Protein backbone atom coordinates (compact mmCIF):
# COMPACT_ATOMS: atom_id res chain seq x y z
CA UNK A 1 7.42 45.29 44.94
CA UNK A 2 9.70 47.03 42.49
CA UNK A 3 9.58 43.80 40.18
CA UNK A 4 5.60 44.10 40.13
CA UNK A 5 5.80 47.77 39.29
CA UNK A 6 8.16 46.99 36.29
CA UNK A 7 6.03 44.26 35.19
CA UNK A 8 2.91 46.62 35.24
CA UNK A 9 4.86 49.24 33.25
CA UNK A 10 5.97 46.77 30.62
CA UNK A 11 2.34 45.44 30.28
CA UNK A 12 0.82 48.83 29.64
CA UNK A 13 3.46 49.75 27.12
CA UNK A 14 2.78 46.40 25.28
CA UNK A 15 -0.98 46.93 25.34
CA UNK A 16 -0.54 50.51 24.18
CA UNK A 17 1.68 49.17 21.31
CA UNK A 18 -0.73 46.44 20.29
CA UNK A 19 -3.74 48.69 20.35
CA UNK A 20 -2.05 51.16 17.88
CA UNK A 21 -1.47 48.33 15.49
CA UNK A 22 -5.03 48.02 14.19
CA UNK A 23 -4.45 50.14 11.28
CA UNK A 24 -1.37 48.43 10.27
CA UNK A 25 -0.91 47.05 6.75
CA UNK A 26 -0.98 43.40 6.19
CA UNK A 27 2.51 41.66 5.75
CA UNK A 28 3.77 39.50 2.94
CA UNK A 29 3.14 35.90 4.09
CA UNK A 30 1.41 32.61 3.30
CA UNK A 31 -1.54 32.68 5.72
CA UNK A 32 -5.06 34.01 5.17
CA UNK A 33 -5.00 37.71 5.95
CA UNK A 34 -1.37 38.05 4.50
CA UNK A 35 -0.27 39.60 1.23
CA UNK A 36 0.84 36.90 -1.44
CA UNK A 37 4.26 37.18 -2.39
CA UNK A 38 4.97 38.27 -5.97
CA UNK A 39 6.35 35.67 -8.43
CA UNK A 40 9.22 37.19 -10.43
CA UNK A 41 11.47 34.09 -11.10
CA UNK A 42 9.71 31.70 -13.43
CA UNK A 43 11.94 30.48 -16.25
CA UNK A 44 9.43 31.70 -19.04
CA UNK A 45 9.77 35.30 -17.46
CA UNK A 46 6.15 35.59 -16.38
CA UNK A 47 5.77 37.88 -13.21
CA UNK A 48 2.68 37.59 -11.16
CA UNK A 49 1.53 40.43 -9.07
CA UNK A 50 -1.73 39.70 -7.45
CA UNK A 51 -3.22 43.15 -6.94
CA UNK A 52 -5.31 43.54 -9.93
CA UNK A 53 -7.71 46.38 -8.83
CA UNK A 54 -10.60 44.67 -10.10
CA UNK A 55 -13.15 42.44 -8.28
CA UNK A 56 -11.38 39.39 -9.60
CA UNK A 57 -9.90 36.49 -7.46
CA UNK A 58 -6.70 34.70 -8.36
CA UNK A 59 -6.29 31.04 -7.65
CA UNK A 60 -2.69 30.16 -7.44
CA UNK A 61 -1.97 26.43 -7.58
CA UNK A 62 1.32 24.52 -7.22
CA UNK A 63 1.70 20.88 -8.58
CA UNK A 64 4.06 18.41 -10.42
CA UNK A 65 3.19 15.39 -12.45
CA UNK A 66 5.21 13.28 -10.01
CA UNK A 67 2.75 14.20 -7.31
CA UNK A 68 -0.47 12.40 -8.16
CA UNK A 69 -2.59 14.31 -5.54
CA UNK A 70 -1.30 17.66 -6.51
CA UNK A 71 -1.99 16.76 -10.21
CA UNK A 72 -5.44 15.65 -9.56
CA UNK A 73 -6.22 18.76 -7.56
CA UNK A 74 -4.92 20.83 -10.42
CA UNK A 75 -7.33 19.11 -12.92
CA UNK A 76 -10.36 19.43 -10.60
CA UNK A 77 -9.63 23.07 -9.65
CA UNK A 78 -9.07 24.00 -13.31
CA UNK A 79 -12.45 22.52 -14.24
CA UNK A 80 -14.24 24.27 -11.33
CA UNK A 81 -12.68 27.61 -12.44
CA UNK A 82 -13.87 26.99 -15.86
CA UNK A 83 -17.53 27.10 -14.74
CA UNK A 84 -17.01 30.85 -13.73
CA UNK A 85 -16.72 34.04 -15.46
CA UNK A 86 -13.01 34.98 -16.24
CA UNK A 87 -13.92 38.52 -14.71
CA UNK A 88 -14.48 36.73 -11.49
CA UNK A 89 -11.52 34.51 -11.15
CA UNK A 90 -8.28 33.74 -12.85
CA UNK A 91 -6.19 30.58 -12.17
CA UNK A 92 -2.43 30.24 -12.54
CA UNK A 93 -1.01 26.72 -11.98
CA UNK A 94 2.70 26.32 -11.46
CA UNK A 95 4.28 23.01 -12.26
CA UNK A 96 7.63 22.31 -10.38
CA UNK A 97 8.49 19.40 -12.76
CA UNK A 98 12.15 19.67 -13.61
CA UNK A 99 11.57 18.00 -17.08
CA UNK A 100 9.86 20.37 -19.33
CA UNK A 101 8.63 17.68 -21.72
CA UNK A 102 6.88 15.88 -18.68
CA UNK A 103 5.25 19.23 -17.99
CA UNK A 104 3.97 19.65 -21.49
CA UNK A 105 2.80 16.21 -21.90
CA UNK A 106 0.95 16.02 -18.50
CA UNK A 107 -0.77 19.40 -19.50
CA UNK A 108 -1.81 17.91 -22.84
CA UNK A 109 -3.02 14.59 -21.28
CA UNK A 110 -4.98 16.41 -18.54
CA UNK A 111 -6.67 18.62 -21.13
CA UNK A 112 -5.75 21.85 -19.28
CA UNK A 113 -5.56 25.30 -20.78
CA UNK A 114 -1.75 25.69 -21.44
CA UNK A 115 -1.82 29.59 -21.09
CA UNK A 116 -2.79 29.21 -17.47
CA UNK A 117 -0.06 26.40 -16.77
CA UNK A 118 3.19 27.70 -16.10
CA UNK A 119 6.48 25.87 -15.76
CA UNK A 120 9.35 26.27 -13.24
CA UNK A 121 11.99 23.96 -14.29
CA UNK A 122 14.15 24.46 -11.28
CA UNK A 123 11.61 22.49 -9.07
CA UNK A 124 12.77 22.12 -5.47
CA UNK A 125 15.57 24.39 -6.15
CA UNK A 126 13.59 27.41 -7.25
CA UNK A 127 13.03 30.58 -5.48
CA UNK A 128 9.21 30.07 -5.91
CA UNK A 129 9.30 26.62 -4.07
CA UNK A 130 11.07 28.25 -1.29
CA UNK A 131 9.16 31.39 -1.22
CA UNK A 132 5.85 29.61 -1.01
CA UNK A 133 7.17 26.91 1.52
CA UNK A 134 6.41 24.00 -0.60
CA UNK A 135 8.65 21.62 1.06
CA UNK A 136 5.56 20.98 3.24
CA UNK A 137 3.65 19.79 0.27
CA UNK A 138 2.14 21.40 -2.74
CA UNK A 139 -0.96 23.63 -2.10
CA UNK A 140 -3.03 26.36 -3.58
CA UNK A 141 -3.80 30.04 -2.46
CA UNK A 142 -6.97 31.94 -3.16
CA UNK A 143 -6.05 35.62 -3.44
CA UNK A 144 -8.31 38.62 -3.62
CA UNK A 145 -7.91 41.60 -5.78
CA UNK A 146 -5.89 43.52 -3.19
CA UNK A 147 -3.31 40.62 -3.27
CA UNK A 148 -4.48 39.21 0.20
CA UNK A 149 -4.71 35.45 0.71
CA UNK A 150 -8.37 34.58 1.35
CA UNK A 151 -7.83 30.88 1.83
CA UNK A 152 -5.16 28.19 1.52
CA UNK A 153 -5.77 24.71 0.08
CA UNK A 154 -9.25 25.31 -1.18
CA UNK A 155 -11.16 22.56 -2.67
CA UNK A 156 -13.44 22.88 -5.73
CA UNK A 157 -16.46 23.02 -3.36
CA UNK A 158 -14.93 25.76 -1.21
CA UNK A 159 -14.02 27.69 -4.12
CA UNK A 160 -17.72 27.59 -5.45
CA UNK A 161 -18.96 28.75 -2.02
CA UNK A 162 -16.57 31.67 -1.70
CA UNK A 163 -16.99 32.70 -5.45
CA UNK A 164 -20.84 32.40 -5.06
CA UNK A 165 -20.95 34.45 -1.94
CA UNK A 166 -19.57 37.54 -3.74
């Protein structure tokens, strides 16, 4: 009987604690609803903080020339973003190619805007690679103006759907 009373008390305490967490701030993470981690360690000294206090979204995309799928996705997403007003969305693509000349040649061959293509030459050894858990594969993150991740691995169609809804 005592055991049931303890279990009941513990359940009441847990329920009370959970109900008080409604107003809790989102935590940093990699899932929709999480705050996107800041990027502070790129070799070209660019820092990205996704809280921009405008109505703009940020699409953060990771890719590498040696990964054909991520490279093709980068081109498709860049072409889609170019259809929208820059006040609505900004895109930053981070290449994790270790060889800088491969990165520059790929950007040129793919006809991408070099200003929005960033390079992290440490590749799989970089802090960014680890922070964004890219050992599971390259992906992208759609982030709102408050720095919250809205979607992960968006396609051009999904991106258009989200942007046209706002």
